[in-house]
Amino acid sequence: MNKKPSFQFYPADWIKDPKLSMCSPETRGVWIDLLCAMHELDRCGEVSGTPAQLCRICRCDQSEFERAIAELESTKTATVTKHNGIITIINRRMNREHKERINNKVRQKRFRVNRESNKKVTIPSSSSTSKTPISPLEFEELWKAYPGTSEHKGSKKKA
């Protein structure tokens, strides 16, 4: 998968997000650093590490980081899990889009494989355009029988 040099950022979403708006400016600064790290690492929408490692990623000290993580968790801006000294922070939207990219890739690969295998078993059909054309006499009879038409509807006489 090609690494994209940027990710979409919608300022209106950033400003209008009520969960994020409840966070302090300090927490919002840590959050944008985490989003950038998630993008740079593998675009899967999550980042894990010890508190010291994540402090370096977020460019903040331990107390700022702990306050920010507590705020992100309490406002449900991010999903935060702690297990055996490792903290995992998940951006749900970025994570969902990552899963969609993987599912699309698998679906497209499956389609291409099926399309290639179907070429081997599909019998070519005759074209529907190979039917013989009708004669002008047959057409006139068909035209007269069609409801709402007159014999010479296309040629109007001038009064």
C-alpha atoms as a PDB file:
ATOM      1  CA  MET A   1       0.000   0.000   0.000  1.00  0.00           C
ATOM      2  CA  ASN A   2       1.439   3.371  -0.990  1.00  0.00           C
ATOM      3  CA  LYS A   3       2.128   5.775   1.814  1.00  0.00           C
ATOM      4  CA  LYS A   4       0.193   8.980   1.376  1.00  0.00           C
ATOM      5  CA  PRO A   5       2.064  12.150   2.348  1.00  0.00           C
ATOM      6  CA  SER A   6      -1.005  13.713   3.945  1.00  0.00           C
ATOM      7  CA  PHE A   7      -4.368  12.939   5.458  1.00  0.00           C
ATOM      8  CA  GLN A   8      -7.654  14.739   5.057  1.00  0.00           C
ATOM      9  CA  PHE A   9      -8.262  17.300   7.728  1.00  0.00           C
ATOM     10  CA  TYR A  10     -11.595  19.065   7.942  1.00  0.00           C
ATOM     11  CA  PRO A  11     -11.318  22.217  10.052  1.00  0.00           C
ATOM     12  CA  ALA A  12     -15.101  22.384  10.456  1.00  0.00           C
ATOM     13  CA  ASP A  13     -15.144  18.861  11.915  1.00  0.00           C
ATOM     14  CA  TRP A  14     -12.302  19.767  14.282  1.00  0.00           C
ATOM     15  CA  ILE A  15     -14.062  22.890  15.508  1.00  0.00           C
ATOM     16  CA  LYS A  16     -17.591  21.456  15.666  1.00  0.00           C
ATOM     17  CA  ASP A  17     -16.779  18.115  17.327  1.00  0.00           C
ATOM     18  CA  PRO A  18     -18.542  18.434  20.709  1.00  0.00           C
ATOM     19  CA  LYS A  19     -16.415  15.735  22.345  1.00  0.00           C
ATOM     20  CA  LEU A  20     -13.197  17.416  21.288  1.00  0.00           C
ATOM     21  CA  SER A  21     -14.550  20.849  22.227  1.00  0.00           C
ATOM     22  CA  MET A  22     -14.884  19.657  25.819  1.00  0.00           C
ATOM     23  CA  CYS A  23     -11.123  19.038  25.902  1.00  0.00           C
ATOM     24  CA  SER A  24      -8.578  21.619  26.980  1.00  0.00           C
ATOM     25  CA  PRO A  25      -6.256  23.248  24.435  1.00  0.00           C
ATOM     26  CA  GLU A  26      -3.420  21.179  25.880  1.00  0.00           C
ATOM     27  CA  THR A  27      -5.343  17.956  25.200  1.00  0.00           C
ATOM     28  CA  ARG A  28      -6.262  19.059  21.681  1.00  0.00           C
ATOM     29  CA  GLY A  29      -2.564  19.662  20.991  1.00  0.00           C
ATOM     30  CA  VAL A  30      -1.681  16.175  22.231  1.00  0.00           C
ATOM     31  CA  TRP A  31      -4.552  14.721  20.173  1.00  0.00           C
ATOM     32  CA  ILE A  32      -3.406  16.288  16.887  1.00  0.00           C
ATOM     33  CA  ASP A  33       0.125  14.983  17.543  1.00  0.00           C
ATOM     34  CA  LEU A  34      -1.357  11.519  18.119  1.00  0.00           C
ATOM     35  CA  LEU A  35      -3.357  11.754  14.877  1.00  0.00           C
ATOM     36  CA  CYS A  36      -0.206  12.665  12.977  1.00  0.00           C
ATOM     37  CA  ALA A  37       1.673   9.780  14.589  1.00  0.00           C
ATOM     38  CA  MET A  38      -1.135   7.356  13.675  1.00  0.00           C
ATOM     39  CA  HIS A  39      -0.907   8.521  10.085  1.00  0.00           C
ATOM     40  CA  GLU A  40       2.887   8.347   9.939  1.00  0.00           C
ATOM     41  CA  LEU A  41       3.139   4.919  11.545  1.00  0.00           C
ATOM     42  CA  ASP A  42       0.736   2.911   9.399  1.00  0.00           C
ATOM     43  CA  ARG A  43      -2.534   4.806   9.005  1.00  0.00           C
ATOM     44  CA  CYS A  44      -4.430   2.183  11.000  1.00  0.00           C
ATOM     45  CA  GLY A  45      -5.857   4.675  13.483  1.00  0.00           C
ATOM     46  CA  GLU A  46      -4.098   3.449  16.574  1.00  0.00           C
ATOM     47  CA  VAL A  47      -0.856   3.989  18.396  1.00  0.00           C
ATOM     48  CA  SER A  48       0.553   1.972  21.290  1.00  0.00           C
ATOM     49  CA  GLY A  49       3.486   2.327  23.625  1.00  0.00           C
ATOM     50  CA  THR A  50       4.646   2.931  27.116  1.00  0.00           C
ATOM     51  CA  PRO A  51       3.763   6.283  28.653  1.00  0.00           C
ATOM     52  CA  ALA A  52       7.362   7.468  28.121  1.00  0.00           C
ATOM     53  CA  GLN A  53       7.300   6.499  24.418  1.00  0.00           C
ATOM     54  CA  LEU A  54       3.944   8.171  23.846  1.00  0.00           C
ATOM     55  CA  CYS A  55       5.156  11.324  25.645  1.00  0.00           C
ATOM     56  CA  ARG A  56       7.982  11.566  23.111  1.00  0.00           C
ATOM     57  CA  ILE A  57       5.536  11.055  20.223  1.00  0.00           C
ATOM     58  CA  CYS A  58       3.247  13.770  21.622  1.00  0.00           C
ATOM     59  CA  ARG A  59       6.174  16.068  22.488  1.00  0.00           C
ATOM     60  CA  CYS A  60       4.957  16.624  26.025  1.00  0.00           C
ATOM     61  CA  ASP A  61       5.944  15.672  29.566  1.00  0.00           C
ATOM     62  CA  GLN A  62       4.450  12.836  31.620  1.00  0.00           C
ATOM     63  CA  SER A  63       1.966  14.951  33.594  1.00  0.00           C
ATOM     64  CA  GLU A  64       0.623  16.697  30.456  1.00  0.00           C
ATOM     65  CA  PHE A  65       0.287  13.343  28.731  1.00  0.00           C
ATOM     66  CA  GLU A  66      -1.574  11.744  31.635  1.00  0.00           C
ATOM     67  CA  ARG A  67      -4.011  14.679  31.834  1.00  0.00           C
ATOM     68  CA  ALA A  68      -4.586  14.563  28.078  1.00  0.00           C
ATOM     69  CA  ILE A  69      -5.191  10.800  28.026  1.00  0.00           C
ATOM     70  CA  ALA A  70      -7.606  11.066  30.947  1.00  0.00           C
ATOM     71  CA  GLU A  71      -9.488  13.851  29.138  1.00  0.00           C
ATOM     72  CA  LEU A  72      -9.570  12.007  25.793  1.00  0.00           C
ATOM     73  CA  GLU A  73     -10.921   8.946  27.592  1.00  0.00           C
ATOM     74  CA  SER A  74     -13.497  10.769  29.736  1.00  0.00           C
ATOM     75  CA  THR A  75     -14.903  12.779  26.804  1.00  0.00           C
ATOM     76  CA  LYS A  76     -14.846   9.649  24.596  1.00  0.00           C
ATOM     77  CA  THR A  77     -12.879  11.527  21.949  1.00  0.00           C
ATOM     78  CA  ALA A  78     -10.627   8.474  21.664  1.00  0.00           C
ATOM     79  CA  THR A  79     -10.692   4.878  22.780  1.00  0.00           C
ATOM     80  CA  VAL A  80      -7.941   4.397  25.347  1.00  0.00           C
ATOM     81  CA  THR A  81      -6.901   1.010  26.713  1.00  0.00           C
ATOM     82  CA  LYS A  82      -4.203   0.246  29.249  1.00  0.00           C
ATOM     83  CA  HIS A  83      -2.746  -3.237  29.602  1.00  0.00           C
ATOM     84  CA  ASN A  84       0.513  -4.322  31.257  1.00  0.00           C
ATOM     85  CA  GLY A  85       1.973  -0.817  31.129  1.00  0.00           C
ATOM     86  CA  ILE A  86       1.162  -0.366  27.426  1.00  0.00           C
ATOM     87  CA  ILE A  87      -1.320   2.314  26.438  1.00  0.00           C
ATOM     88  CA  THR A  88      -3.230   2.006  23.161  1.00  0.00           C
ATOM     89  CA  ILE A  89      -5.036   5.046  21.800  1.00  0.00           C
ATOM     90  CA  ILE A  90      -7.498   4.540  18.949  1.00  0.00           C
ATOM     91  CA  ASN A  91      -9.072   7.108  16.670  1.00  0.00           C
ATOM     92  CA  ARG A  92     -12.297   5.343  15.740  1.00  0.00           C
ATOM     93  CA  ARG A  93     -12.777   7.101  12.416  1.00  0.00           C
ATOM     94  CA  MET A  94      -9.232   6.494  11.193  1.00  0.00           C
ATOM     95  CA  ASN A  95      -9.433   2.894  12.406  1.00  0.00           C
ATOM     96  CA  ARG A  96     -12.750   2.324  10.602  1.00  0.00           C
ATOM     97  CA  GLU A  97     -11.356   3.791   7.362  1.00  0.00           C
ATOM     98  CA  HIS A  98      -8.294   1.541   7.664  1.00  0.00           C
ATOM     99  CA  LYS A  99     -10.524  -1.530   7.999  1.00  0.00           C
ATOM    100  CA  GLU A 100     -12.588  -0.372   4.998  1.00  0.00           C
ATOM    101  CA  ARG A 101      -9.404  -0.030   2.910  1.00  0.00           C
ATOM    102  CA  ILE A 102      -8.369  -3.572   3.832  1.00  0.00           C
ATOM    103  CA  ASN A 103     -11.856  -4.963   3.105  1.00  0.00           C
ATOM    104  CA  ASN A 104     -11.968  -3.140  -0.249  1.00  0.00           C
ATOM    105  CA  LYS A 105      -8.552  -4.509  -1.171  1.00  0.00           C
ATOM    106  CA  VAL A 106      -9.643  -8.079  -0.327  1.00  0.00           C
ATOM    107  CA  ARG A 107     -12.952  -7.647  -2.171  1.00  0.00           C
ATOM    108  CA  GLN A 108     -11.240  -6.276  -5.285  1.00  0.00           C
ATOM    109  CA  LYS A 109      -8.680  -9.080  -5.267  1.00  0.00           C
ATOM    110  CA  ARG A 110     -11.463 -11.674  -4.932  1.00  0.00           C
ATOM    111  CA  PHE A 111     -13.373 -10.023  -7.807  1.00  0.00           C
ATOM    112  CA  ARG A 112     -10.304 -10.087 -10.055  1.00  0.00           C
ATOM    113  CA  VAL A 113      -9.638 -13.744  -9.286  1.00  0.00           C
ATOM    114  CA  ASN A 114     -13.284 -14.677  -9.915  1.00  0.00           C
ATOM    115  CA  ARG A 115     -13.382 -12.668 -13.124  1.00  0.00           C
ATOM    116  CA  GLU A 116     -10.319 -14.494 -14.449  1.00  0.00           C
ATOM    117  CA  SER A 117     -11.692 -17.908 -13.479  1.00  0.00           C
ATOM    118  CA  ASN A 118     -15.075 -17.105 -15.045  1.00  0.00           C
ATOM    119  CA  LYS A 119     -13.437 -16.369 -18.400  1.00  0.00           C
ATOM    120  CA  LYS A 120     -12.499 -20.038 -18.635  1.00  0.00           C
ATOM    121  CA  VAL A 121     -16.054 -21.352 -18.209  1.00  0.00           C
ATOM    122  CA  THR A 122     -18.232 -18.689 -19.836  1.00  0.00           C
ATOM    123  CA  ILE A 123     -19.510 -19.730 -23.243  1.00  0.00           C
ATOM    124  CA  PRO A 124     -19.652 -16.866 -25.729  1.00  0.00           C
ATOM    125  CA  SER A 125     -23.262 -16.075 -26.617  1.00  0.00           C
ATOM    126  CA  SER A 126     -24.621 -14.992 -29.939  1.00  0.00           C
ATOM    127  CA  SER A 127     -25.221 -11.292 -30.322  1.00  0.00           C
ATOM    128  CA  SER A 128     -28.767 -10.003 -30.096  1.00  0.00           C
ATOM    129  CA  THR A 129     -28.049  -7.727 -33.061  1.00  0.00           C
ATOM    130  CA  SER A 130     -27.732 -10.692 -35.403  1.00  0.00           C
ATOM    131  CA  LYS A 131     -31.514 -10.949 -35.926  1.00  0.00           C
ATOM    132  CA  THR A 132     -32.807 -10.385 -39.425  1.00  0.00           C
ATOM    133  CA  PRO A 133     -34.315  -6.954 -40.027  1.00  0.00           C
ATOM    134  CA  ILE A 134     -38.034  -6.655 -40.723  1.00  0.00           C
ATOM    135  CA  SER A 135     -39.291  -5.570 -44.100  1.00  0.00           C
ATOM    136  CA  PRO A 136     -40.850  -2.122 -44.654  1.00  0.00           C
ATOM    137  CA  LEU A 137     -44.241  -3.789 -45.131  1.00  0.00           C
ATOM    138  CA  GLU A 138     -43.957  -5.590 -41.774  1.00  0.00           C
ATOM    139  CA  PHE A 139     -42.908  -2.322 -40.161  1.00  0.00           C
ATOM    140  CA  GLU A 140     -45.974  -0.498 -41.558  1.00  0.00           C
ATOM    141  CA  GLU A 141     -48.284  -3.210 -40.198  1.00  0.00           C
ATOM    142  CA  LEU A 142     -46.587  -3.014 -36.811  1.00  0.00           C
ATOM    143  CA  TRP A 143     -46.817   0.796 -36.853  1.00  0.00           C
ATOM    144  CA  LYS A 144     -50.549   0.744 -37.611  1.00  0.00           C
ATOM    145  CA  ALA A 145     -51.189  -1.772 -34.842  1.00  0.00           C
ATOM    146  CA  TYR A 146     -49.302   0.274 -32.239  1.00  0.00           C
ATOM    147  CA  PRO A 147     -51.791   2.259 -30.052  1.00  0.00           C
ATOM    148  CA  GLY A 148     -51.775   6.027 -30.390  1.00  0.00           C
ATOM    149  CA  THR A 149     -50.120   6.215 -33.772  1.00  0.00           C
ATOM    150  CA  SER A 150     -51.602   7.197 -37.071  1.00  0.00           C
ATOM    151  CA  GLU A 151     -50.625   5.924 -40.448  1.00  0.00           C
ATOM    152  CA  HIS A 152     -48.462   8.906 -41.278  1.00  0.00           C
ATOM    153  CA  LYS A 153     -47.824  10.557 -37.921  1.00  0.00           C
ATOM    154  CA  GLY A 154     -44.395  11.779 -38.974  1.00  0.00           C
ATOM    155  CA  SER A 155     -45.660  13.684 -42.012  1.00  0.00           C
ATOM    156  CA  LYS A 156     -47.968  16.511 -40.980  1.00  0.00           C
ATOM    157  CA  LYS A 157     -49.930  18.377 -43.619  1.00  0.00           C
ATOM    158  CA  LYS A 158     -49.971  22.137 -43.467  1.00  0.00           C
ATOM    159  CA  ALA A 159     -53.409  23.722 -43.408  1.00  0.00           C
END
